[in-house]
Amino acid sequence: MDNHNKIKAIANNTNKSVNERVGEIVALHQSLEPYSEESFQTGVIAYESIREILLKDNYENCHMGDLLMCNALLAESYYRTQRSWLATPLAQESYDMMLGVDTDDEESLKTLTAVIDRLCDILKGSGHPRLKMKLYALQYGYEKKRSEPNEDALKDAAEQLVSLATLTACDTWYAPLKEEITALLGEENVREIEQNPYTGHLKKDPIEYSEEYEAVIDKVEKEVSDRMGNQAYAMGMCFEIWSIKQAILAEQYNIEWKTPSQMNPRVMFD
């Protein structure tokens, strides 16, 4: 029996408790070679099944932290199998779930900040800067409430908020925190980030930080994958992928997007 069918059999075994089924599925997934294609593909089935169990069989008593972490792990699995457009709704759902949470419980705060860390890491380069800003604003607030806040984590969230607010020209989530972020980072550091808000070594087309791009990018990424035959992306394919993406954005959405190679002509890509 392959892993897919093994997981489905475990999930459908209602003679076992929710915790037993979830534990067996997680154990099966963790038994695979880490970072292998088998592990990535099985992760999708594993965490889709766990999510279904939590929402269907244990909805009334589902611990929100379990569902949030499941969302983050499933989003990671989608990202690793090159289906980033499926990760975005999970990140948005998780944000909506966390938005009204007001807790001082240390374990809950630890889970919330960890979930946001994972989700924001997945969203890097995804074309969803506003969703990232919302999540970082929550993370900043949760980290502050911990009994011993991690100053590095606070500063990282603060720096991300300054950078993204500058790049998007949108301070909806940054403005309420601006005064204390300035006090935390220092006026000079804030000015430096505002003057050079880009992270990483590669330049990006500024259109990627616009609302119009953010509104359509998941549809575009899915169509690119469909046109590529849903094959796993490999070395040497980036130029074809970018060309298709550029054409879809221009023809269907009237968005003129410059590819990474166009933005970084002196960089060798493969």
Protein backbone atom coordinates (compact mmCIF):
# COMPACT_ATOMS: atom_id res chain seq x y z
CA MET A 1 0.00 0.00 0.00
CA ASP A 2 1.46 3.38 -0.99
CA ASN A 3 1.74 6.30 1.42
CA HIS A 4 -1.34 8.01 -0.01
CA ASN A 5 -3.56 5.00 0.70
CA LYS A 6 -1.92 4.34 4.06
CA ILE A 7 -2.74 7.89 5.18
CA LYS A 8 -6.30 7.68 3.90
CA ALA A 9 -6.80 4.37 5.75
CA ILE A 10 -5.51 5.90 8.99
CA ALA A 11 -7.68 9.01 8.57
CA ASN A 12 -10.82 6.96 7.94
CA ASN A 13 -10.31 4.64 10.92
CA THR A 14 -12.93 6.10 13.26
CA ASN A 15 -12.25 3.36 15.81
CA LYS A 16 -9.23 5.42 16.82
CA SER A 17 -9.28 8.84 18.45
CA VAL A 18 -8.42 12.06 16.67
CA ASN A 19 -5.10 12.27 18.48
CA GLU A 20 -4.21 8.66 17.60
CA ARG A 21 -4.94 9.16 13.90
CA VAL A 22 -3.10 12.46 13.74
CA GLY A 23 -0.13 10.94 15.56
CA GLU A 24 0.08 7.99 13.16
CA ILE A 25 -0.09 10.23 10.09
CA VAL A 26 2.62 12.54 11.42
CA ALA A 27 4.79 9.54 12.31
CA LEU A 28 4.43 8.10 8.81
CA HIS A 29 5.41 11.40 7.23
CA GLN A 30 8.36 11.88 9.57
CA SER A 31 9.63 8.37 8.75
CA LEU A 32 10.42 9.48 5.19
CA GLU A 33 13.73 10.92 4.06
CA PRO A 34 13.62 14.64 4.94
CA TYR A 35 13.55 17.07 2.00
CA SER A 36 12.99 14.23 -0.47
CA GLU A 37 10.41 14.45 -3.26
CA GLU A 38 8.52 11.58 -1.59
CA SER A 39 8.42 13.53 1.67
CA PHE A 40 7.18 16.69 -0.06
CA GLN A 41 4.43 14.89 -1.97
CA THR A 42 3.36 12.83 1.03
CA GLY A 43 3.30 15.96 3.18
CA VAL A 44 0.46 17.36 1.09
CA ILE A 45 -1.70 14.26 1.62
CA ALA A 46 -0.69 14.02 5.28
CA TYR A 47 -1.58 17.56 6.28
CA GLU A 48 -4.66 17.75 4.05
CA SER A 49 -5.90 14.66 5.87
CA ILE A 50 -5.04 16.01 9.32
CA ARG A 51 -6.78 19.28 8.50
CA GLU A 52 -9.87 17.36 7.42
CA ILE A 53 -9.81 15.31 10.62
CA LEU A 54 -9.50 18.40 12.82
CA LEU A 55 -12.28 20.30 11.06
CA LYS A 56 -14.67 17.39 10.56
CA ASP A 57 -14.24 14.92 13.36
CA ASN A 58 -13.15 17.22 16.17
CA TYR A 59 -14.45 20.61 15.09
CA GLU A 60 -16.12 21.55 18.38
CA ASN A 61 -13.08 20.71 20.47
CA CYS A 62 -10.33 21.43 17.99
CA HIS A 63 -7.44 23.23 19.63
CA MET A 64 -6.85 26.30 17.48
CA GLY A 65 -3.09 25.97 17.83
CA ASP A 66 -3.23 22.50 16.25
CA LEU A 67 -5.22 23.77 13.27
CA LEU A 68 -2.96 26.79 12.81
CA MET A 69 0.18 24.65 12.83
CA CYS A 70 -1.48 22.21 10.43
CA ASN A 71 -2.26 25.14 8.12
CA ALA A 72 1.38 26.24 8.22
CA LEU A 73 2.71 22.74 7.53
CA LEU A 74 0.23 22.21 4.69
CA ALA A 75 1.15 25.61 3.21
CA GLU A 76 4.82 24.55 3.33
CA SER A 77 3.93 21.31 1.56
CA TYR A 78 2.09 23.18 -1.19
CA TYR A 79 5.03 25.53 -1.60
CA ARG A 80 7.54 22.67 -1.79
CA THR A 81 5.44 20.95 -4.46
CA GLN A 82 5.32 24.24 -6.43
CA ARG A 83 1.68 25.08 -5.75
CA SER A 84 2.15 28.38 -3.96
CA TRP A 85 -1.30 29.61 -4.96
CA LEU A 86 -2.81 27.03 -2.59
CA ALA A 87 -0.69 28.29 0.31
CA THR A 88 -2.04 31.85 0.18
CA PRO A 89 -5.62 31.03 1.29
CA LEU A 90 -4.24 29.06 4.23
CA ALA A 91 -2.11 32.04 5.27
CA GLN A 92 -5.13 34.35 5.00
CA GLU A 93 -7.34 31.93 6.92
CA SER A 94 -4.72 31.64 9.64
CA TYR A 95 -4.48 35.43 9.88
CA ASP A 96 -8.26 35.67 10.26
CA MET A 97 -8.18 33.02 13.00
CA MET A 98 -5.40 34.78 14.92
CA LEU A 99 -6.72 38.30 14.52
CA GLY A 100 -9.06 38.19 17.50
CA VAL A 101 -6.81 36.13 19.78
CA ASP A 102 -5.86 37.89 23.00
CA THR A 103 -3.84 35.62 25.26
CA ASP A 104 -1.04 35.79 27.78
CA ASP A 105 -0.47 32.03 27.79
CA GLU A 106 3.20 31.44 27.00
CA GLU A 107 2.68 28.20 25.04
CA SER A 108 -0.08 29.76 22.95
CA LEU A 109 2.07 32.79 22.18
CA LYS A 110 4.96 30.50 21.26
CA THR A 111 2.72 28.61 18.82
CA LEU A 112 1.29 31.78 17.29
CA THR A 113 4.69 33.33 16.64
CA ALA A 114 6.02 30.04 15.22
CA VAL A 115 3.07 29.72 12.84
CA ILE A 116 3.58 33.27 11.58
CA ASP A 117 7.31 32.62 11.10
CA ARG A 118 6.52 29.64 8.86
CA LEU A 119 3.80 31.42 6.90
CA CYS A 120 5.88 34.53 6.27
CA ASP A 121 8.80 32.41 5.13
CA ILE A 122 6.52 30.75 2.56
CA LEU A 123 5.14 34.11 1.43
CA LYS A 124 8.60 35.54 0.65
CA GLY A 125 8.61 36.46 -3.01
CA SER A 126 5.02 35.31 -3.41
CA GLY A 127 3.64 38.69 -4.45
CA HIS A 128 1.61 39.11 -1.25
CA PRO A 129 3.34 41.92 0.67
CA ARG A 130 0.15 43.17 2.34
CA LEU A 131 -0.67 39.74 3.70
CA LYS A 132 2.87 39.53 5.05
CA MET A 133 2.51 42.93 6.69
CA LYS A 134 -0.67 41.86 8.46
CA LEU A 135 1.03 38.74 9.76
CA TYR A 136 4.17 40.59 10.90
CA ALA A 137 2.03 43.12 12.76
CA LEU A 138 0.36 40.25 14.63
CA GLN A 139 3.70 38.59 15.30
CA TYR A 140 5.12 41.79 16.70
CA GLY A 141 2.20 42.08 19.11
CA TYR A 142 2.38 38.45 20.22
CA GLU A 143 6.13 38.57 20.76
CA LYS A 144 5.74 41.64 22.98
CA LYS A 145 3.28 39.76 25.19
CA ARG A 146 5.63 36.88 25.92
CA SER A 147 7.08 36.72 29.40
CA GLU A 148 10.57 37.15 27.94
CA PRO A 149 10.23 38.71 24.47
CA ASN A 150 12.92 37.80 21.98
CA GLU A 151 14.44 41.15 21.01
CA ASP A 152 15.83 39.79 17.74
CA ALA A 153 12.38 38.50 16.75
CA LEU A 154 10.81 41.84 17.65
CA LYS A 155 13.38 43.73 15.59
CA ASP A 156 12.99 41.41 12.62
CA ALA A 157 9.21 41.87 12.57
CA ALA A 158 9.65 45.62 12.99
CA GLU A 159 12.19 45.85 10.16
CA GLN A 160 9.93 43.82 7.87
CA LEU A 161 7.04 46.18 8.59
CA VAL A 162 9.12 49.25 7.79
CA SER A 163 10.46 47.69 4.60
CA LEU A 164 7.10 46.44 3.31
CA ALA A 165 5.29 49.65 4.21
CA THR A 166 7.88 51.59 2.24
CA LEU A 167 7.80 49.26 -0.79
CA THR A 168 4.01 49.18 -0.99
CA ALA A 169 3.41 52.83 0.02
CA CYS A 170 0.83 51.35 2.40
CA ASP A 171 1.19 51.95 6.14
CA THR A 172 -2.16 50.50 7.28
CA TRP A 173 -0.50 47.96 9.58
CA TYR A 174 2.70 49.90 10.22
CA ALA A 175 1.27 53.30 11.21
CA PRO A 176 -0.25 52.16 14.56
CA LEU A 177 3.15 50.75 15.56
CA LYS A 178 5.39 53.38 13.99
CA GLU A 179 6.23 55.27 17.17
CA GLU A 180 7.25 52.21 19.19
CA ILE A 181 9.04 50.63 16.23
CA THR A 182 11.07 53.81 15.83
CA ALA A 183 11.93 53.67 19.52
CA LEU A 184 12.92 50.01 19.19
CA LEU A 185 15.03 50.31 16.04
CA GLY A 186 16.20 53.90 16.37
CA GLU A 187 15.42 56.76 13.99
CA GLU A 188 18.63 56.29 12.02
CA ASN A 189 17.96 52.60 11.34
CA VAL A 190 14.37 53.31 10.31
CA ARG A 191 15.55 55.98 7.86
CA GLU A 192 18.14 53.57 6.47
CA ILE A 193 15.48 50.91 5.82
CA GLU A 194 13.18 53.48 4.23
CA GLN A 195 15.98 54.59 1.92
CA ASN A 196 16.89 51.00 1.00
CA PRO A 197 13.85 48.85 1.70
CA TYR A 198 14.73 45.90 -0.52
CA THR A 199 15.93 42.68 1.09
CA GLY A 200 18.24 40.20 -0.62
CA HIS A 201 20.70 40.76 -3.45
CA LEU A 202 18.33 40.67 -6.42
CA LYS A 203 16.27 43.61 -7.62
CA LYS A 204 12.54 43.11 -8.09
CA ASP A 205 10.11 44.89 -10.34
CA PRO A 206 8.25 47.40 -8.10
CA ILE A 207 4.97 46.22 -9.67
CA GLU A 208 5.25 43.16 -7.44
CA TYR A 209 4.35 45.37 -4.48
CA SER A 210 1.21 46.80 -6.07
CA GLU A 211 -2.34 45.84 -5.15
CA GLU A 212 -3.19 45.01 -8.77
CA TYR A 213 -0.36 42.45 -8.93
CA GLU A 214 -1.22 41.02 -5.53
CA ALA A 215 -4.86 40.54 -6.57
CA VAL A 216 -4.06 38.29 -9.54
CA ILE A 217 -0.71 36.63 -8.88
CA ASP A 218 -2.12 33.35 -7.52
CA LYS A 219 -4.29 32.88 -10.62
CA VAL A 220 -1.27 33.66 -12.78
CA GLU A 221 1.02 31.21 -10.98
CA LYS A 222 -1.58 28.44 -11.35
CA GLU A 223 -1.97 29.13 -15.06
CA VAL A 224 1.80 29.10 -15.51
CA SER A 225 1.91 25.66 -13.87
CA ASP A 226 -0.97 24.44 -16.04
CA ARG A 227 0.79 25.61 -19.21
CA MET A 228 3.98 23.88 -18.07
CA GLY A 229 2.03 20.64 -17.74
CA ASN A 230 2.19 20.71 -13.93
CA GLN A 231 5.69 19.27 -14.17
CA ALA A 232 8.21 19.74 -11.39
CA TYR A 233 10.33 22.79 -12.08
CA ALA A 234 13.99 22.06 -12.66
CA MET A 235 17.22 23.85 -13.53
CA GLY A 236 17.13 25.63 -16.85
CA MET A 237 13.38 26.16 -16.81
CA CYS A 238 13.25 29.58 -15.18
CA PHE A 239 13.37 31.56 -18.42
CA GLU A 240 10.44 29.65 -19.91
CA ILE A 241 8.46 30.05 -16.69
CA TRP A 242 9.15 33.79 -16.53
CA SER A 243 8.26 34.24 -20.19
CA ILE A 244 4.88 32.54 -19.71
CA LYS A 245 4.20 34.51 -16.54
CA GLN A 246 5.12 37.79 -18.22
CA ALA A 247 2.81 37.04 -21.16
CA ILE A 248 -0.15 36.13 -18.94
CA LEU A 249 0.25 39.27 -16.85
CA ALA A 250 0.42 41.47 -19.93
CA GLU A 251 -2.27 39.83 -22.04
CA GLN A 252 -4.86 39.04 -19.38
CA TYR A 253 -4.30 41.73 -16.76
CA ASN A 254 -2.51 44.55 -18.60
CA ILE A 255 0.35 44.38 -16.11
CA GLU A 256 3.82 45.00 -17.49
CA TRP A 257 6.13 42.89 -15.35
CA LYS A 258 9.90 42.69 -15.70
CA THR A 259 11.44 39.29 -15.07
CA PRO A 260 14.28 38.75 -12.57
CA SER A 261 16.74 38.46 -15.47
CA GLN A 262 15.54 41.78 -16.89
CA MET A 263 15.84 43.43 -13.48
CA ASN A 264 19.29 41.89 -12.88
CA PRO A 265 21.01 41.78 -16.30
CA ARG A 266 24.46 41.04 -14.84
CA VAL A 267 23.28 38.01 -12.87
CA MET A 268 23.50 34.50 -14.31
CA PHE A 269 20.30 32.51 -13.79
CA ASP A 270 19.67 28.83 -14.33
